[in-house]
Structures are given as structure tokens and as C-alpha cells.
Amino acid sequence: MTVHTLTIHGRQITARGNLDLIVAPGRVLITGSRASTPYGETIASSAAENLACRGAILIASTAYGIDGTAVRAARPDRTVLIQAAGLD
């Protein structure tokens, strides 16, 4: 996946994935606590899987917890990762 550096509202962010998806219809953002519970991770995973089956595009960070769980459950070709501090 290609890594891009963008400036949004004067701040630099790093993004990975097909940036055309950022403006495509059907975008969904799933985010939540880094200190998530097993129940929260189950719900995030289920939601991401169900949305992916319906063609949704996931926009998420690479954080731990809910965000990471959703990213792992989504389709990689329909996911854009965005991180203010860099992807590494």
C-alpha cells in the first residue's frame, strides 16, 4: 500500500491506501477506545465485517483497541488508514 503525506487544515497527516476512497460514497469511520473491552472489540469486528460485506469503505486509524480491531475485520482493498503521528 502506498503511503501519502497530506496537509488537512494546516496539519500534516499520513495516510495509507487508495485516497480516492476518501471521497467515495459509502464511507464509514469506526473509532473507539484504545483500552477496549473484549465485548467492544467483538462489536467493532462484527460491525466492520457486516459493513464490508455491504461494500462500505472503512476509514480508520491504526490505533490499538477498537480502531485496530475494525481494521483487521474490514476488507484491505476498501480501507484507508489515517494517522496524525505517522503510520509506523
PDB file of N, CA and C in Angstrom:
ATOM      1  N   MET A   1       0.830  -1.170   0.000  1.00  0.00           N
ATOM      2  CA  MET A   1       0.000   0.000   0.000  1.00  0.00           C
ATOM      3  C   MET A   1       0.883   1.244   0.000  1.00  0.00           C
ATOM      4  N   THR A   2       0.502   2.219  -0.789  1.00  0.00           N
ATOM      5  CA  THR A   2       1.259   3.454  -0.882  1.00  0.00           C
ATOM      6  C   THR A   2       0.982   4.340   0.324  1.00  0.00           C
ATOM      7  N   VAL A   3       2.035   4.969   0.825  1.00  0.00           N
ATOM      8  CA  VAL A   3       1.908   5.889   1.957  1.00  0.00           C
ATOM      9  C   VAL A   3       1.929   7.312   1.414  1.00  0.00           C
ATOM     10  N   HIS A   4       0.974   8.134   1.866  1.00  0.00           N
ATOM     11  CA  HIS A   4       0.844   9.514   1.427  1.00  0.00           C
ATOM     12  C   HIS A   4       0.948  10.435   2.633  1.00  0.00           C
ATOM     13  N   THR A   5       1.519  11.621   2.420  1.00  0.00           N
ATOM     14  CA  THR A   5       1.515  12.658   3.446  1.00  0.00           C
ATOM     15  C   THR A   5       0.604  13.766   2.940  1.00  0.00           C
ATOM     16  N   LEU A   6      -0.387  14.130   3.719  1.00  0.00           N
ATOM     17  CA  LEU A   6      -1.371  15.137   3.341  1.00  0.00           C
ATOM     18  C   LEU A   6      -1.358  16.273   4.344  1.00  0.00           C
ATOM     19  N   THR A   7      -1.795  17.433   3.904  1.00  0.00           N
ATOM     20  CA  THR A   7      -1.999  18.554   4.818  1.00  0.00           C
ATOM     21  C   THR A   7      -3.489  18.857   4.835  1.00  0.00           C
ATOM     22  N   ILE A   8      -4.092  18.714   5.989  1.00  0.00           N
ATOM     23  CA  ILE A   8      -5.512  18.973   6.157  1.00  0.00           C
ATOM     24  C   ILE A   8      -5.667  19.989   7.278  1.00  0.00           C
ATOM     25  N   HIS A   9      -6.304  21.108   6.961  1.00  0.00           N
ATOM     26  CA  HIS A   9      -6.494  22.200   7.922  1.00  0.00           C
ATOM     27  C   HIS A   9      -5.168  22.619   8.558  1.00  0.00           C
ATOM     28  N   GLY A  10      -4.120  22.657   7.735  1.00  0.00           N
ATOM     29  CA  GLY A  10      -2.822  23.108   8.199  1.00  0.00           C
ATOM     30  C   GLY A  10      -2.003  22.092   8.982  1.00  0.00           C
ATOM     31  N   ARG A  11      -2.508  20.866   9.114  1.00  0.00           N
ATOM     32  CA  ARG A  11      -1.793  19.836   9.873  1.00  0.00           C
ATOM     33  C   ARG A  11      -1.444  18.685   8.951  1.00  0.00           C
ATOM     34  N   GLN A  12      -0.248  18.150   9.124  1.00  0.00           N
ATOM     35  CA  GLN A  12       0.175  17.011   8.313  1.00  0.00           C
ATOM     36  C   GLN A  12      -0.338  15.715   8.905  1.00  0.00           C
ATOM     37  N   ILE A  13      -0.862  14.869   8.031  1.00  0.00           N
ATOM     38  CA  ILE A  13      -1.268  13.530   8.425  1.00  0.00           C
ATOM     39  C   ILE A  13      -0.679  12.543   7.444  1.00  0.00           C
ATOM     40  N   THR A  14      -0.598  11.313   7.844  1.00  0.00           N
ATOM     41  CA  THR A  14      -0.107  10.245   6.985  1.00  0.00           C
ATOM     42  C   THR A  14      -1.277   9.328   6.671  1.00  0.00           C
ATOM     43  N   ALA A  15      -1.376   8.923   5.418  1.00  0.00           N
ATOM     44  CA  ALA A  15      -2.468   8.039   5.005  1.00  0.00           C
ATOM     45  C   ALA A  15      -1.898   6.901   4.182  1.00  0.00           C
ATOM     46  N   ARG A  16      -2.537   5.750   4.298  1.00  0.00           N
ATOM     47  CA  ARG A  16      -2.142   4.576   3.523  1.00  0.00           C
ATOM     48  C   ARG A  16      -3.400   3.993   2.895  1.00  0.00           C
ATOM     49  N   GLY A  17      -3.316   3.697   1.607  1.00  0.00           N
ATOM     50  CA  GLY A  17      -4.452   3.125   0.901  1.00  0.00           C
ATOM     51  C   GLY A  17      -4.809   3.963  -0.311  1.00  0.00           C
ATOM     52  N   ASN A  18      -5.899   3.625  -0.941  1.00  0.00           N
ATOM     53  CA  ASN A  18      -6.379   4.328  -2.122  1.00  0.00           C
ATOM     54  C   ASN A  18      -7.097   5.596  -1.669  1.00  0.00           C
ATOM     55  N   LEU A  19      -6.465   6.753  -1.852  1.00  0.00           N
ATOM     56  CA  LEU A  19      -7.039   8.007  -1.362  1.00  0.00           C
ATOM     57  C   LEU A  19      -8.311   8.400  -2.100  1.00  0.00           C
ATOM     58  N   ASP A  20      -8.563   7.856  -3.271  1.00  0.00           N
ATOM     59  CA  ASP A  20      -9.820   8.125  -3.971  1.00  0.00           C
ATOM     60  C   ASP A  20     -11.013   7.649  -3.140  1.00  0.00           C
ATOM     61  N   LEU A  21     -10.792   6.675  -2.276  1.00  0.00           N
ATOM     62  CA  LEU A  21     -11.870   6.156  -1.431  1.00  0.00           C
ATOM     63  C   LEU A  21     -12.330   7.162  -0.380  1.00  0.00           C
ATOM     64  N   ILE A  22     -11.470   8.140  -0.056  1.00  0.00           N
ATOM     65  CA  ILE A  22     -11.827   9.122   0.973  1.00  0.00           C
ATOM     66  C   ILE A  22     -13.047   9.936   0.564  1.00  0.00           C
ATOM     67  N   VAL A  23     -13.229  10.164  -0.726  1.00  0.00           N
ATOM     68  CA  VAL A  23     -14.361  10.973  -1.184  1.00  0.00           C
ATOM     69  C   VAL A  23     -15.449  10.130  -1.851  1.00  0.00           C
ATOM     70  N   ALA A  24     -15.271   8.831  -1.883  1.00  0.00           N
ATOM     71  CA  ALA A  24     -16.266   7.950  -2.497  1.00  0.00           C
ATOM     72  C   ALA A  24     -17.476   7.781  -1.576  1.00  0.00           C
ATOM     73  N   PRO A  25     -18.651   7.531  -2.151  1.00  0.00           N
ATOM     74  CA  PRO A  25     -19.822   7.274  -1.309  1.00  0.00           C
ATOM     75  C   PRO A  25     -19.658   5.984  -0.511  1.00  0.00           C
ATOM     76  N   GLY A  26     -20.304   5.907   0.617  1.00  0.00           N
ATOM     77  CA  GLY A  26     -20.282   4.681   1.413  1.00  0.00           C
ATOM     78  C   GLY A  26     -19.146   4.604   2.414  1.00  0.00           C
ATOM     79  N   ARG A  27     -18.623   5.776   2.827  1.00  0.00           N
ATOM     80  CA  ARG A  27     -17.525   5.793   3.797  1.00  0.00           C
ATOM     81  C   ARG A  27     -18.063   5.632   5.208  1.00  0.00           C
ATOM     82  N   VAL A  28     -17.310   4.889   6.012  1.00  0.00           N
ATOM     83  CA  VAL A  28     -17.664   4.672   7.412  1.00  0.00           C
ATOM     84  C   VAL A  28     -16.404   4.826   8.248  1.00  0.00           C
ATOM     85  N   LEU A  29     -16.520   5.511   9.360  1.00  0.00           N
ATOM     86  CA  LEU A  29     -15.416   5.635  10.302  1.00  0.00           C
ATOM     87  C   LEU A  29     -15.789   4.868  11.556  1.00  0.00           C
ATOM     88  N   ILE A  30     -14.925   3.944  11.944  1.00  0.00           N
ATOM     89  CA  ILE A  30     -15.129   3.224  13.200  1.00  0.00           C
ATOM     90  C   ILE A  30     -13.963   3.579  14.106  1.00  0.00           C
ATOM     91  N   THR A  31     -14.279   4.127  15.255  1.00  0.00           N
ATOM     92  CA  THR A  31     -13.238   4.518  16.187  1.00  0.00           C
ATOM     93  C   THR A  31     -13.724   4.282  17.609  1.00  0.00           C
ATOM     94  N   GLY A  32     -12.802   4.180  18.515  1.00  0.00           N
ATOM     95  CA  GLY A  32     -13.191   3.938  19.904  1.00  0.00           C
ATOM     96  C   GLY A  32     -11.974   3.908  20.806  1.00  0.00           C
ATOM     97  N   SER A  33     -12.151   3.369  21.951  1.00  0.00           N
ATOM     98  CA  SER A  33     -11.124   3.359  22.983  1.00  0.00           C
ATOM     99  C   SER A  33      -9.948   2.459  22.628  1.00  0.00           C
ATOM    100  N   ARG A  34      -8.756   2.909  22.995  1.00  0.00           N
ATOM    101  CA  ARG A  34      -7.574   2.036  22.878  1.00  0.00           C
ATOM    102  C   ARG A  34      -7.628   0.960  23.954  1.00  0.00           C
ATOM    103  N   ALA A  35      -8.184   1.292  25.100  1.00  0.00           N
ATOM    104  CA  ALA A  35      -8.311   0.336  26.211  1.00  0.00           C
ATOM    105  C   ALA A  35      -9.693  -0.318  26.118  1.00  0.00           C
ATOM    106  N   SER A  36      -9.917  -1.012  25.029  1.00  0.00           N
ATOM    107  CA  SER A  36     -11.236  -1.577  24.766  1.00  0.00           C
ATOM    108  C   SER A  36     -11.455  -2.882  25.528  1.00  0.00           C
ATOM    109  N   THR A  37     -12.700  -3.230  25.660  1.00  0.00           N
ATOM    110  CA  THR A  37     -13.079  -4.494  26.297  1.00  0.00           C
ATOM    111  C   THR A  37     -13.256  -5.566  25.223  1.00  0.00           C
ATOM    112  N   PRO A  38     -13.212  -6.828  25.598  1.00  0.00           N
ATOM    113  CA  PRO A  38     -13.486  -7.884  24.617  1.00  0.00           C
ATOM    114  C   PRO A  38     -14.853  -7.709  23.951  1.00  0.00           C
ATOM    115  N   TYR A  39     -15.852  -7.274  24.716  1.00  0.00           N
ATOM    116  CA  TYR A  39     -17.179  -7.039  24.141  1.00  0.00           C
ATOM    117  C   TYR A  39     -17.117  -5.943  23.074  1.00  0.00           C
ATOM    118  N   GLY A  40     -16.454  -4.836  23.377  1.00  0.00           N
ATOM    119  CA  GLY A  40     -16.314  -3.736  22.422  1.00  0.00           C
ATOM    120  C   GLY A  40     -15.606  -4.174  21.156  1.00  0.00           C
ATOM    121  N   GLU A  41     -14.565  -4.989  21.301  1.00  0.00           N
ATOM    122  CA  GLU A  41     -13.833  -5.487  20.136  1.00  0.00           C
ATOM    123  C   GLU A  41     -14.694  -6.431  19.303  1.00  0.00           C
ATOM    124  N   THR A  42     -15.519  -7.228  19.964  1.00  0.00           N
ATOM    125  CA  THR A  42     -16.438  -8.123  19.238  1.00  0.00           C
ATOM    126  C   THR A  42     -17.427  -7.310  18.415  1.00  0.00           C
ATOM    127  N   ILE A  43     -17.983  -6.269  18.995  1.00  0.00           N
ATOM    128  CA  ILE A  43     -18.940  -5.420  18.288  1.00  0.00           C
ATOM    129  C   ILE A  43     -18.255  -4.691  17.131  1.00  0.00           C
ATOM    130  N   ALA A  44     -17.055  -4.154  17.356  1.00  0.00           N
ATOM    131  CA  ALA A  44     -16.326  -3.443  16.300  1.00  0.00           C
ATOM    132  C   ALA A  44     -16.001  -4.377  15.142  1.00  0.00           C
ATOM    133  N   SER A  45     -15.568  -5.586  15.454  1.00  0.00           N
ATOM    134  CA  SER A  45     -15.243  -6.566  14.424  1.00  0.00           C
ATOM    135  C   SER A  45     -16.482  -6.946  13.626  1.00  0.00           C
ATOM    136  N   SER A  46     -17.562  -7.218  14.324  1.00  0.00           N
ATOM    137  CA  SER A  46     -18.814  -7.591  13.669  1.00  0.00           C
ATOM    138  C   SER A  46     -19.327  -6.461  12.782  1.00  0.00           C
ATOM    139  N   ALA A  47     -19.291  -5.237  13.284  1.00  0.00           N
ATOM    140  CA  ALA A  47     -19.752  -4.085  12.503  1.00  0.00           C
ATOM    141  C   ALA A  47     -18.905  -3.904  11.249  1.00  0.00           C
ATOM    142  N   ALA A  48     -17.580  -3.992  11.388  1.00  0.00           N
ATOM    143  CA  ALA A  48     -16.697  -3.823  10.232  1.00  0.00           C
ATOM    144  C   ALA A  48     -16.917  -4.923   9.199  1.00  0.00           C
ATOM    145  N   GLU A  49     -17.066  -6.158   9.646  1.00  0.00           N
ATOM    146  CA  GLU A  49     -17.316  -7.267   8.725  1.00  0.00           C
ATOM    147  C   GLU A  49     -18.641  -7.079   7.991  1.00  0.00           C
ATOM    148  N   ASN A  50     -19.696  -6.740   8.723  1.00  0.00           N
ATOM    149  CA  ASN A  50     -21.006  -6.552   8.108  1.00  0.00           C
ATOM    150  C   ASN A  50     -21.014  -5.387   7.131  1.00  0.00           C
ATOM    151  N   LEU A  51     -20.372  -4.292   7.495  1.00  0.00           N
ATOM    152  CA  LEU A  51     -20.305  -3.149   6.592  1.00  0.00           C
ATOM    153  C   LEU A  51     -19.477  -3.466   5.352  1.00  0.00           C
ATOM    154  N   ALA A  52     -18.377  -4.201   5.535  1.00  0.00           N
ATOM    155  CA  ALA A  52     -17.539  -4.590   4.399  1.00  0.00           C
ATOM    156  C   ALA A  52     -18.309  -5.471   3.420  1.00  0.00           C
ATOM    157  N   CYS A  53     -19.134  -6.366   3.937  1.00  0.00           N
ATOM    158  CA  CYS A  53     -19.958  -7.234   3.082  1.00  0.00           C
ATOM    159  C   CYS A  53     -20.944  -6.423   2.251  1.00  0.00           C
ATOM    160  N   ARG A  54     -21.280  -5.238   2.729  1.00  0.00           N
ATOM    161  CA  ARG A  54     -22.217  -4.372   2.016  1.00  0.00           C
ATOM    162  C   ARG A  54     -21.494  -3.330   1.166  1.00  0.00           C
ATOM    163  N   GLY A  55     -20.169  -3.468   1.039  1.00  0.00           N
ATOM    164  CA  GLY A  55     -19.392  -2.584   0.180  1.00  0.00           C
ATOM    165  C   GLY A  55     -18.937  -1.286   0.802  1.00  0.00           C
ATOM    166  N   ALA A  56     -19.066  -1.147   2.111  1.00  0.00           N
ATOM    167  CA  ALA A  56     -18.659   0.097   2.773  1.00  0.00           C
ATOM    168  C   ALA A  56     -17.142   0.266   2.712  1.00  0.00           C
ATOM    169  N   ILE A  57     -16.720   1.508   2.748  1.00  0.00           N
ATOM    170  CA  ILE A  57     -15.307   1.870   2.795  1.00  0.00           C
ATOM    171  C   ILE A  57     -14.993   2.252   4.232  1.00  0.00           C
ATOM    172  N   LEU A  58     -13.997   1.627   4.816  1.00  0.00           N
ATOM    173  CA  LEU A  58     -13.610   1.923   6.194  1.00  0.00           C
ATOM    174  C   LEU A  58     -12.471   2.927   6.202  1.00  0.00           C
ATOM    175  N   ILE A  59     -12.655   4.002   6.946  1.00  0.00           N
ATOM    176  CA  ILE A  59     -11.588   4.966   7.185  1.00  0.00           C
ATOM    177  C   ILE A  59     -11.286   4.883   8.668  1.00  0.00           C
ATOM    178  N   ALA A  60     -10.038   4.571   9.009  1.00  0.00           N
ATOM    179  CA  ALA A  60      -9.703   4.342  10.411  1.00  0.00           C
ATOM    180  C   ALA A  60      -8.257   4.699  10.686  1.00  0.00           C
ATOM    181  N   SER A  61      -7.940   4.788  11.955  1.00  0.00           N
ATOM    182  CA  SER A  61      -6.546   4.960  12.356  1.00  0.00           C
ATOM    183  C   SER A  61      -5.945   3.571  12.570  1.00  0.00           C
ATOM    184  N   THR A  62      -4.698   3.552  12.907  1.00  0.00           N
ATOM    185  CA  THR A  62      -4.031   2.267  13.148  1.00  0.00           C
ATOM    186  C   THR A  62      -3.838   2.029  14.635  1.00  0.00           C
ATOM    187  N   ALA A  63      -4.645   2.694  15.444  1.00  0.00           N
ATOM    188  CA  ALA A  63      -4.502   2.590  16.896  1.00  0.00           C
ATOM    189  C   ALA A  63      -4.877   1.205  17.399  1.00  0.00           C
ATOM    190  N   TYR A  64      -4.532   0.965  18.646  1.00  0.00           N
ATOM    191  CA  TYR A  64      -4.922  -0.278  19.313  1.00  0.00           C
ATOM    192  C   TYR A  64      -6.409  -0.247  19.630  1.00  0.00           C
ATOM    193  N   GLY A  65      -6.918  -1.305  20.134  1.00  0.00           N
ATOM    194  CA  GLY A  65      -8.295  -1.344  20.619  1.00  0.00           C
ATOM    195  C   GLY A  65      -9.308  -1.426  19.500  1.00  0.00           C
ATOM    196  N   ILE A  66     -10.346  -0.608  19.597  1.00  0.00           N
ATOM    197  CA  ILE A  66     -11.469  -0.649  18.672  1.00  0.00           C
ATOM    198  C   ILE A  66     -11.024  -0.373  17.239  1.00  0.00           C
ATOM    199  N   ASP A  67     -10.209   0.655  17.032  1.00  0.00           N
ATOM    200  CA  ASP A  67      -9.768   1.001  15.683  1.00  0.00           C
ATOM    201  C   ASP A  67      -9.038  -0.165  15.017  1.00  0.00           C
ATOM    202  N   GLY A  68      -8.072  -0.717  15.716  1.00  0.00           N
ATOM    203  CA  GLY A  68      -7.295  -1.827  15.165  1.00  0.00           C
ATOM    204  C   GLY A  68      -8.141  -3.054  14.890  1.00  0.00           C
ATOM    205  N   THR A  69      -9.078  -3.323  15.770  1.00  0.00           N
ATOM    206  CA  THR A  69      -9.985  -4.459  15.587  1.00  0.00           C
ATOM    207  C   THR A  69     -10.814  -4.273  14.323  1.00  0.00           C
ATOM    208  N   ALA A  70     -11.346  -3.069  14.124  1.00  0.00           N
ATOM    209  CA  ALA A  70     -12.153  -2.790  12.931  1.00  0.00           C
ATOM    210  C   ALA A  70     -11.320  -2.926  11.656  1.00  0.00           C
ATOM    211  N   VAL A  71     -10.090  -2.436  11.688  1.00  0.00           N
ATOM    212  CA  VAL A  71      -9.218  -2.531  10.511  1.00  0.00           C
ATOM    213  C   VAL A  71      -8.936  -3.986  10.168  1.00  0.00           C
ATOM    214  N   ARG A  72      -8.678  -4.810  11.154  1.00  0.00           N
ATOM    215  CA  ARG A  72      -8.394  -6.228  10.889  1.00  0.00           C
ATOM    216  C   ARG A  72      -9.603  -6.962  10.322  1.00  0.00           C
ATOM    217  N   ALA A  73     -10.803  -6.507  10.640  1.00  0.00           N
ATOM    218  CA  ALA A  73     -12.020  -7.180  10.184  1.00  0.00           C
ATOM    219  C   ALA A  73     -12.500  -6.680   8.820  1.00  0.00           C
ATOM    220  N   ALA A  74     -12.045  -5.515   8.391  1.00  0.00           N
ATOM    221  CA  ALA A  74     -12.507  -4.923   7.135  1.00  0.00           C
ATOM    222  C   ALA A  74     -11.736  -5.487   5.941  1.00  0.00           C
ATOM    223  N   ARG A  75     -12.199  -5.143   4.748  1.00  0.00           N
ATOM    224  CA  ARG A  75     -11.508  -5.555   3.524  1.00  0.00           C
ATOM    225  C   ARG A  75     -10.335  -4.614   3.271  1.00  0.00           C
ATOM    226  N   PRO A  76      -9.120  -5.126   3.119  1.00  0.00           N
ATOM    227  CA  PRO A  76      -7.954  -4.258   2.920  1.00  0.00           C
ATOM    228  C   PRO A  76      -8.065  -3.348   1.692  1.00  0.00           C
ATOM    229  N   ASP A  77      -8.698  -3.830   0.625  1.00  0.00           N
ATOM    230  CA  ASP A  77      -8.805  -3.015  -0.585  1.00  0.00           C
ATOM    231  C   ASP A  77      -9.855  -1.916  -0.471  1.00  0.00           C
ATOM    232  N   ARG A  78     -10.621  -1.909   0.616  1.00  0.00           N
ATOM    233  CA  ARG A  78     -11.658  -0.895   0.839  1.00  0.00           C
ATOM    234  C   ARG A  78     -11.411  -0.168   2.164  1.00  0.00           C
ATOM    235  N   THR A  79     -10.128  -0.086   2.564  1.00  0.00           N
ATOM    236  CA  THR A  79      -9.757   0.549   3.824  1.00  0.00           C
ATOM    237  C   THR A  79      -8.710   1.623   3.574  1.00  0.00           C
ATOM    238  N   VAL A  80      -8.892   2.777   4.199  1.00  0.00           N
ATOM    239  CA  VAL A  80      -7.894   3.847   4.175  1.00  0.00           C
ATOM    240  C   VAL A  80      -7.486   4.091   5.619  1.00  0.00           C
ATOM    241  N   LEU A  81      -6.190   4.009   5.885  1.00  0.00           N
ATOM    242  CA  LEU A  81      -5.665   4.232   7.240  1.00  0.00           C
ATOM    243  C   LEU A  81      -5.134   5.661   7.321  1.00  0.00           C
ATOM    244  N   ILE A  82      -5.530   6.374   8.363  1.00  0.00           N
ATOM    245  CA  ILE A  82      -5.089   7.748   8.548  1.00  0.00           C
ATOM    246  C   ILE A  82      -4.556   7.898   9.964  1.00  0.00           C
ATOM    247  N   GLN A  83      -3.391   8.513  10.070  1.00  0.00           N
ATOM    248  CA  GLN A  83      -2.750   8.665  11.378  1.00  0.00           C
ATOM    249  C   GLN A  83      -2.071  10.020  11.450  1.00  0.00           C
ATOM    250  N   ALA A  84      -2.354  10.780  12.478  1.00  0.00           N
ATOM    251  CA  ALA A  84      -1.750  12.095  12.632  1.00  0.00           C
ATOM    252  C   ALA A  84      -0.260  12.005  12.935  1.00  0.00           C
ATOM    253  N   ALA A  85       0.182  10.965  13.587  1.00  0.00           N
ATOM    254  CA  ALA A  85       1.573  10.856  14.020  1.00  0.00           C
ATOM    255  C   ALA A  85       2.410   9.972  13.103  1.00  0.00           C
ATOM    256  N   GLY A  86       1.904   9.549  11.989  1.00  0.00           N
ATOM    257  CA  GLY A  86       2.636   8.650  11.109  1.00  0.00           C
ATOM    258  C   GLY A  86       2.182   7.215  11.290  1.00  0.00           C
ATOM    259  N   LEU A  87       2.329   6.404  10.263  1.00  0.00           N
ATOM    260  CA  LEU A  87       1.825   5.048  10.300  1.00  0.00           C
ATOM    261  C   LEU A  87       2.766   4.056  10.966  1.00  0.00           C
ATOM    262  N   ASP A  88       4.002   4.409  11.135  1.00  0.00           N
ATOM    263  CA  ASP A  88       4.942   3.485  11.771  1.00  0.00           C
ATOM    264  C   ASP A  88       4.938   3.738  13.246  1.00  0.00           C
TER     265      ASP A  88
END
